[in-house]
N, C-alpha and C. Protein backbone atom coordinates (compact mmCIF):
# COMPACT_ATOMS: atom_id res chain seq x y z
N SER A 1 0.84 -1.18 0.00
CA SER A 1 0.00 0.00 0.00
C SER A 1 0.88 1.24 0.00
N ASP A 2 0.42 2.28 -0.65
CA ASP A 2 1.16 3.53 -0.73
C ASP A 2 0.92 4.37 0.51
N MET A 3 1.94 5.13 0.86
CA MET A 3 1.85 6.04 2.00
C MET A 3 2.18 7.45 1.53
N PHE A 4 1.48 8.42 2.03
CA PHE A 4 1.80 9.81 1.75
C PHE A 4 1.45 10.65 2.97
N THR A 5 2.02 11.84 3.01
CA THR A 5 1.74 12.74 4.12
C THR A 5 1.84 14.18 3.66
N THR A 6 1.06 15.03 4.27
CA THR A 6 1.20 16.46 4.02
C THR A 6 2.27 16.99 4.97
N LEU A 7 2.90 18.07 4.55
CA LEU A 7 3.99 18.62 5.35
C LEU A 7 4.03 20.13 5.19
N ASP A 8 4.03 20.84 6.30
CA ASP A 8 4.19 22.29 6.31
C ASP A 8 5.46 22.61 7.09
N ILE A 9 6.31 23.43 6.49
CA ILE A 9 7.50 23.91 7.17
C ILE A 9 7.48 25.43 7.07
N CYS A 10 7.58 26.08 8.20
CA CYS A 10 7.65 27.54 8.22
C CYS A 10 9.01 27.92 8.76
N SER A 11 9.79 28.60 7.94
CA SER A 11 11.09 29.09 8.42
C SER A 11 11.04 30.61 8.44
N LEU A 12 11.65 31.18 9.47
CA LEU A 12 11.58 32.61 9.66
C LEU A 12 12.93 33.12 10.13
N ASN A 13 13.47 34.11 9.42
CA ASN A 13 14.69 34.76 9.84
C ASN A 13 14.29 35.78 10.91
N MET A 14 14.69 35.53 12.14
CA MET A 14 14.26 36.37 13.24
C MET A 14 14.93 37.75 13.24
N HIS A 15 15.96 37.93 12.43
CA HIS A 15 16.61 39.24 12.34
C HIS A 15 15.94 40.13 11.30
N THR A 16 15.56 39.54 10.16
CA THR A 16 14.98 40.33 9.06
C THR A 16 13.46 40.24 8.99
N GLY A 17 12.87 39.19 9.59
CA GLY A 17 11.43 38.98 9.49
C GLY A 17 11.01 38.28 8.20
N ARG A 18 11.98 37.98 7.32
CA ARG A 18 11.62 37.27 6.09
C ARG A 18 11.38 35.80 6.40
N GLY A 19 10.27 35.31 5.84
CA GLY A 19 9.90 33.93 6.09
C GLY A 19 9.57 33.20 4.81
N ARG A 20 9.55 31.86 4.93
CA ARG A 20 9.14 30.99 3.83
C ARG A 20 8.24 29.91 4.39
N MET A 21 7.16 29.67 3.67
CA MET A 21 6.26 28.57 4.00
C MET A 21 6.46 27.51 2.92
N VAL A 22 6.94 26.34 3.32
CA VAL A 22 7.17 25.23 2.41
C VAL A 22 6.05 24.23 2.64
N LYS A 23 5.29 23.94 1.59
CA LYS A 23 4.11 23.08 1.74
C LYS A 23 4.13 21.93 0.74
N TYR A 24 3.93 20.74 1.25
CA TYR A 24 3.65 19.56 0.43
C TYR A 24 2.18 19.23 0.68
N GLY A 25 1.32 19.77 -0.16
CA GLY A 25 -0.11 19.52 -0.02
C GLY A 25 -0.66 20.09 1.28
N GLY A 26 -1.80 19.61 1.66
CA GLY A 26 -2.37 20.00 2.94
C GLY A 26 -3.20 21.26 2.91
N ALA A 27 -3.72 21.58 4.06
CA ALA A 27 -4.59 22.73 4.23
C ALA A 27 -3.80 24.02 4.11
N SER A 28 -4.50 25.08 3.80
CA SER A 28 -3.87 26.40 3.72
C SER A 28 -3.32 26.80 5.09
N ALA A 29 -2.31 27.65 5.06
CA ALA A 29 -1.80 28.30 6.26
C ALA A 29 -2.28 29.75 6.21
N PHE A 30 -2.19 30.45 7.33
CA PHE A 30 -2.71 31.80 7.39
C PHE A 30 -1.77 32.70 8.19
N ILE A 31 -1.71 33.96 7.78
CA ILE A 31 -1.00 34.96 8.54
C ILE A 31 -2.03 36.01 8.94
N ILE A 32 -2.22 36.15 10.25
CA ILE A 32 -3.16 37.14 10.78
C ILE A 32 -2.35 38.37 11.15
N ARG A 33 -2.70 39.49 10.55
CA ARG A 33 -2.02 40.76 10.82
C ARG A 33 -3.09 41.78 11.17
N GLY A 34 -3.07 42.21 12.43
CA GLY A 34 -4.10 43.15 12.87
C GLY A 34 -5.46 42.50 12.78
N ARG A 35 -6.33 43.08 11.95
CA ARG A 35 -7.68 42.54 11.77
C ARG A 35 -7.87 41.89 10.40
N SER A 36 -6.78 41.66 9.68
CA SER A 36 -6.90 41.02 8.37
C SER A 36 -6.13 39.70 8.36
N THR A 37 -6.50 38.83 7.43
CA THR A 37 -5.91 37.49 7.35
C THR A 37 -5.50 37.20 5.92
N GLN A 38 -4.25 36.78 5.76
CA GLN A 38 -3.72 36.38 4.45
C GLN A 38 -3.66 34.85 4.40
N GLU A 39 -4.14 34.28 3.32
CA GLU A 39 -4.13 32.83 3.14
C GLU A 39 -2.93 32.42 2.31
N ILE A 40 -2.25 31.37 2.72
CA ILE A 40 -1.15 30.78 1.94
C ILE A 40 -1.62 29.40 1.50
N LYS A 41 -1.98 29.29 0.23
CA LYS A 41 -2.51 28.05 -0.32
C LYS A 41 -1.39 27.20 -0.90
N SER A 42 -1.70 25.94 -1.09
CA SER A 42 -0.76 25.04 -1.75
C SER A 42 -1.51 24.17 -2.74
N LEU A 43 -1.00 24.12 -3.94
CA LEU A 43 -1.56 23.22 -4.95
C LEU A 43 -0.67 22.00 -5.15
N SER A 44 0.42 21.92 -4.39
CA SER A 44 1.35 20.79 -4.53
C SER A 44 0.71 19.53 -3.94
N LEU A 45 1.21 18.40 -4.38
CA LEU A 45 0.74 17.12 -3.87
C LEU A 45 1.43 16.78 -2.56
N PRO A 46 0.79 15.95 -1.72
CA PRO A 46 1.46 15.51 -0.50
C PRO A 46 2.74 14.74 -0.81
N ALA A 47 3.67 14.78 0.13
CA ALA A 47 4.92 14.04 -0.02
C ALA A 47 4.62 12.55 -0.10
N GLY A 48 5.24 11.88 -1.06
CA GLY A 48 5.05 10.44 -1.22
C GLY A 48 4.07 10.06 -2.30
N VAL A 49 3.29 11.01 -2.82
CA VAL A 49 2.35 10.69 -3.90
C VAL A 49 3.11 10.43 -5.19
N LEU A 50 4.06 11.31 -5.49
CA LEU A 50 4.94 11.13 -6.65
C LEU A 50 6.36 10.96 -6.16
N LEU A 51 7.16 10.24 -6.90
CA LEU A 51 8.53 9.99 -6.49
C LEU A 51 9.33 11.28 -6.36
N LYS A 52 9.13 12.21 -7.27
CA LYS A 52 9.90 13.46 -7.25
C LYS A 52 8.97 14.67 -7.12
N ALA A 53 8.11 14.64 -6.15
CA ALA A 53 7.19 15.76 -5.93
C ALA A 53 7.97 16.97 -5.42
N GLU A 54 7.57 18.13 -5.88
CA GLU A 54 8.20 19.39 -5.46
C GLU A 54 7.25 20.14 -4.52
N PRO A 55 7.79 20.70 -3.45
CA PRO A 55 6.94 21.48 -2.56
C PRO A 55 6.63 22.84 -3.18
N GLU A 56 5.61 23.46 -2.66
CA GLU A 56 5.30 24.83 -3.04
C GLU A 56 5.90 25.74 -1.96
N VAL A 57 6.65 26.74 -2.37
CA VAL A 57 7.32 27.64 -1.43
C VAL A 57 6.75 29.05 -1.61
N THR A 58 6.28 29.65 -0.53
CA THR A 58 5.74 31.00 -0.55
C THR A 58 6.52 31.85 0.44
N GLY A 59 7.05 32.97 -0.04
CA GLY A 59 7.76 33.89 0.83
C GLY A 59 6.81 34.90 1.43
N PHE A 60 7.18 35.40 2.61
CA PHE A 60 6.38 36.44 3.26
C PHE A 60 7.29 37.28 4.15
N GLN A 61 6.81 38.45 4.51
CA GLN A 61 7.53 39.34 5.42
C GLN A 61 6.72 39.44 6.71
N ALA A 62 7.25 38.89 7.79
CA ALA A 62 6.55 38.94 9.07
C ALA A 62 6.73 40.31 9.71
N GLN A 63 5.72 40.69 10.47
CA GLN A 63 5.77 41.96 11.20
C GLN A 63 5.43 41.72 12.66
N ASP A 64 5.82 42.66 13.49
CA ASP A 64 5.53 42.59 14.91
C ASP A 64 4.03 42.37 15.13
N GLY A 65 3.68 41.37 15.90
CA GLY A 65 2.28 41.09 16.22
C GLY A 65 1.60 40.10 15.30
N ASP A 66 2.23 39.73 14.19
CA ASP A 66 1.64 38.75 13.27
C ASP A 66 1.43 37.42 13.98
N ILE A 67 0.40 36.70 13.56
CA ILE A 67 0.18 35.34 14.02
C ILE A 67 0.27 34.44 12.79
N ILE A 68 1.16 33.47 12.85
CA ILE A 68 1.24 32.46 11.80
C ILE A 68 0.41 31.29 12.29
N LEU A 69 -0.59 30.92 11.49
CA LEU A 69 -1.57 29.92 11.89
C LEU A 69 -1.53 28.73 10.93
N LEU A 70 -1.31 27.55 11.48
CA LEU A 70 -1.35 26.31 10.72
C LEU A 70 -2.52 25.48 11.22
N VAL A 71 -3.31 24.96 10.29
CA VAL A 71 -4.47 24.14 10.66
C VAL A 71 -4.51 22.90 9.77
N THR A 72 -5.22 21.89 10.24
CA THR A 72 -5.41 20.69 9.43
C THR A 72 -6.66 20.81 8.58
N ASP A 73 -6.77 19.91 7.62
CA ASP A 73 -7.93 19.94 6.72
C ASP A 73 -9.22 19.60 7.45
N GLY A 74 -9.14 19.02 8.62
CA GLY A 74 -10.35 18.80 9.42
C GLY A 74 -11.03 20.11 9.78
N ILE A 75 -10.27 21.18 9.82
CA ILE A 75 -10.83 22.50 10.09
C ILE A 75 -11.23 23.20 8.79
N THR A 76 -10.31 23.23 7.81
CA THR A 76 -10.61 23.97 6.57
C THR A 76 -11.69 23.30 5.73
N ASP A 77 -11.88 22.00 5.87
CA ASP A 77 -12.94 21.34 5.11
C ASP A 77 -14.33 21.75 5.57
N CYS A 78 -14.47 22.14 6.83
CA CYS A 78 -15.81 22.52 7.30
C CYS A 78 -15.96 24.03 7.51
N ILE A 79 -14.86 24.75 7.62
CA ILE A 79 -14.92 26.22 7.69
C ILE A 79 -14.41 26.73 6.35
N LYS A 80 -15.34 27.00 5.45
CA LYS A 80 -14.97 27.35 4.07
C LYS A 80 -14.30 28.71 3.96
N ASP A 81 -14.73 29.69 4.75
CA ASP A 81 -14.16 31.04 4.69
C ASP A 81 -13.28 31.24 5.91
N MET A 82 -12.13 30.56 5.94
CA MET A 82 -11.25 30.62 7.10
C MET A 82 -10.78 32.05 7.37
N ALA A 83 -10.40 32.78 6.32
CA ALA A 83 -9.91 34.15 6.53
C ALA A 83 -11.01 34.99 7.18
N GLY A 84 -12.22 34.89 6.68
CA GLY A 84 -13.33 35.64 7.24
C GLY A 84 -13.63 35.24 8.68
N VAL A 85 -13.56 33.96 8.97
CA VAL A 85 -13.83 33.48 10.33
C VAL A 85 -12.73 33.96 11.28
N CYS A 86 -11.47 33.91 10.83
CA CYS A 86 -10.37 34.42 11.67
C CYS A 86 -10.58 35.89 11.99
N GLU A 87 -10.95 36.66 10.99
CA GLU A 87 -11.18 38.08 11.20
C GLU A 87 -12.35 38.32 12.14
N GLU A 88 -13.39 37.50 12.02
CA GLU A 88 -14.56 37.59 12.91
C GLU A 88 -14.16 37.27 14.35
N ILE A 89 -13.31 36.26 14.53
CA ILE A 89 -12.85 35.89 15.87
C ILE A 89 -12.04 37.02 16.49
N ILE A 90 -11.16 37.64 15.71
CA ILE A 90 -10.35 38.76 16.20
C ILE A 90 -11.25 39.92 16.61
N LYS A 91 -12.24 40.23 15.78
CA LYS A 91 -13.15 41.35 16.07
C LYS A 91 -13.98 41.08 17.32
N SER A 92 -14.20 39.80 17.65
CA SER A 92 -14.99 39.47 18.83
C SER A 92 -14.20 39.67 20.13
N GLY A 93 -12.90 39.97 20.00
CA GLY A 93 -12.09 40.22 21.19
C GLY A 93 -11.11 39.12 21.52
N LYS A 94 -11.21 37.99 20.83
CA LYS A 94 -10.26 36.90 21.06
C LYS A 94 -9.01 37.20 20.25
N ARG A 95 -7.89 37.40 20.93
CA ARG A 95 -6.69 37.84 20.22
C ARG A 95 -5.45 37.01 20.52
N THR A 96 -5.45 36.22 21.58
CA THR A 96 -4.26 35.40 21.83
C THR A 96 -4.28 34.20 20.89
N THR A 97 -3.12 33.63 20.65
CA THR A 97 -3.07 32.47 19.75
C THR A 97 -3.91 31.33 20.32
N ALA A 98 -3.87 31.13 21.62
CA ALA A 98 -4.66 30.06 22.23
C ALA A 98 -6.15 30.29 22.03
N GLU A 99 -6.61 31.53 22.22
CA GLU A 99 -8.04 31.84 22.05
C GLU A 99 -8.48 31.62 20.60
N ILE A 100 -7.65 32.05 19.66
CA ILE A 100 -7.99 31.90 18.24
C ILE A 100 -8.05 30.43 17.86
N CYS A 101 -7.03 29.67 18.25
CA CYS A 101 -7.00 28.24 17.91
C CYS A 101 -8.16 27.47 18.55
N THR A 102 -8.43 27.77 19.81
CA THR A 102 -9.53 27.11 20.52
C THR A 102 -10.87 27.43 19.86
N GLU A 103 -11.07 28.68 19.48
CA GLU A 103 -12.33 29.08 18.83
C GLU A 103 -12.48 28.41 17.46
N LEU A 104 -11.40 28.29 16.70
CA LEU A 104 -11.48 27.62 15.39
C LEU A 104 -11.89 26.17 15.55
N ILE A 105 -11.31 25.47 16.52
CA ILE A 105 -11.66 24.07 16.74
C ILE A 105 -13.10 23.96 17.22
N LYS A 106 -13.51 24.86 18.10
CA LYS A 106 -14.90 24.87 18.59
C LYS A 106 -15.88 25.05 17.43
N ARG A 107 -15.58 26.00 16.54
CA ARG A 107 -16.48 26.24 15.40
C ARG A 107 -16.48 25.06 14.44
N ALA A 108 -15.33 24.45 14.21
CA ALA A 108 -15.27 23.29 13.33
C ALA A 108 -16.16 22.17 13.88
N LYS A 109 -16.11 21.95 15.19
CA LYS A 109 -16.96 20.94 15.81
C LYS A 109 -18.44 21.30 15.68
N GLU A 110 -18.77 22.58 15.89
CA GLU A 110 -20.16 23.02 15.76
C GLU A 110 -20.69 22.79 14.35
N TYR A 111 -19.87 23.08 13.33
CA TYR A 111 -20.27 22.89 11.94
C TYR A 111 -20.46 21.42 11.60
N GLN A 112 -19.92 20.54 12.45
CA GLN A 112 -20.04 19.10 12.23
C GLN A 112 -20.91 18.44 13.28
N ASN A 113 -21.85 19.20 13.82
CA ASN A 113 -22.82 18.71 14.82
C ASN A 113 -22.16 18.17 16.08
N GLY A 114 -21.06 18.83 16.50
CA GLY A 114 -20.46 18.50 17.79
C GLY A 114 -19.33 17.50 17.79
N ALA A 115 -19.07 16.86 16.67
CA ALA A 115 -18.00 15.87 16.63
C ALA A 115 -17.23 15.99 15.32
N CYS A 116 -15.93 16.10 15.43
CA CYS A 116 -15.09 16.21 14.23
C CYS A 116 -15.03 14.87 13.50
N ARG A 117 -15.22 14.91 12.19
CA ARG A 117 -15.12 13.71 11.37
C ARG A 117 -13.68 13.44 10.93
N ASP A 118 -12.84 14.45 11.07
CA ASP A 118 -11.43 14.34 10.72
C ASP A 118 -10.64 15.07 11.80
N ASP A 119 -9.34 14.89 11.79
CA ASP A 119 -8.53 15.56 12.81
C ASP A 119 -8.69 17.07 12.72
N CYS A 120 -8.79 17.72 13.85
CA CYS A 120 -8.92 19.17 13.92
C CYS A 120 -7.79 19.70 14.80
N LEU A 121 -6.79 20.27 14.15
CA LEU A 121 -5.64 20.80 14.87
C LEU A 121 -5.39 22.22 14.38
N ALA A 122 -5.14 23.12 15.32
CA ALA A 122 -4.79 24.49 15.00
C ALA A 122 -3.61 24.89 15.87
N VAL A 123 -2.56 25.41 15.23
CA VAL A 123 -1.36 25.84 15.93
C VAL A 123 -1.05 27.26 15.50
N GLY A 124 -0.88 28.14 16.46
CA GLY A 124 -0.57 29.53 16.14
C GLY A 124 0.69 29.98 16.83
N VAL A 125 1.46 30.82 16.15
CA VAL A 125 2.67 31.39 16.70
C VAL A 125 2.61 32.90 16.48
N ARG A 126 2.78 33.67 17.55
CA ARG A 126 2.78 35.13 17.43
C ARG A 126 4.23 35.61 17.35
N ILE A 127 4.45 36.54 16.42
CA ILE A 127 5.76 37.11 16.20
C ILE A 127 5.87 38.41 17.00
N PHE A 128 6.93 38.54 17.78
CA PHE A 128 7.18 39.76 18.53
C PHE A 128 8.51 40.35 18.09
N GLU A 129 8.52 41.66 17.85
CA GLU A 129 9.74 42.34 17.51
C GLU A 129 10.57 42.55 18.77
N LYS A 130 11.85 42.26 18.67
CA LYS A 130 12.73 42.46 19.81
C LYS A 130 12.97 43.95 20.01
N VAL A 131 12.80 44.41 21.24
CA VAL A 131 13.02 45.83 21.54
C VAL A 131 14.13 46.00 22.54
């Protein structure tokens, strides 16, 4: 039987703020900046599907206060407008990475009548400028 896996790698130069998101398939990643959300999509195949699959690499410039958010497809499959939902959560007053991730998982469960049909994982990292 064949095996494959999705893979997200986020590398960030902590001196310049320049980052790269390396994705082998999988759900979109998001950068929350203030009250807006940028989606980083991937059209690449998961690792292991093809012998010589290439990842999709997206560059970005991180800023003080940004949240880099990684989620599984268990969340994005049931929350179709992730950027809009993230912005709605921020406007509601939930601003810590833990609050945002917890609310996303809660909403994913609600959209699926209380029980996730697939894994629901949300991980957020907030970027702080050194002063």
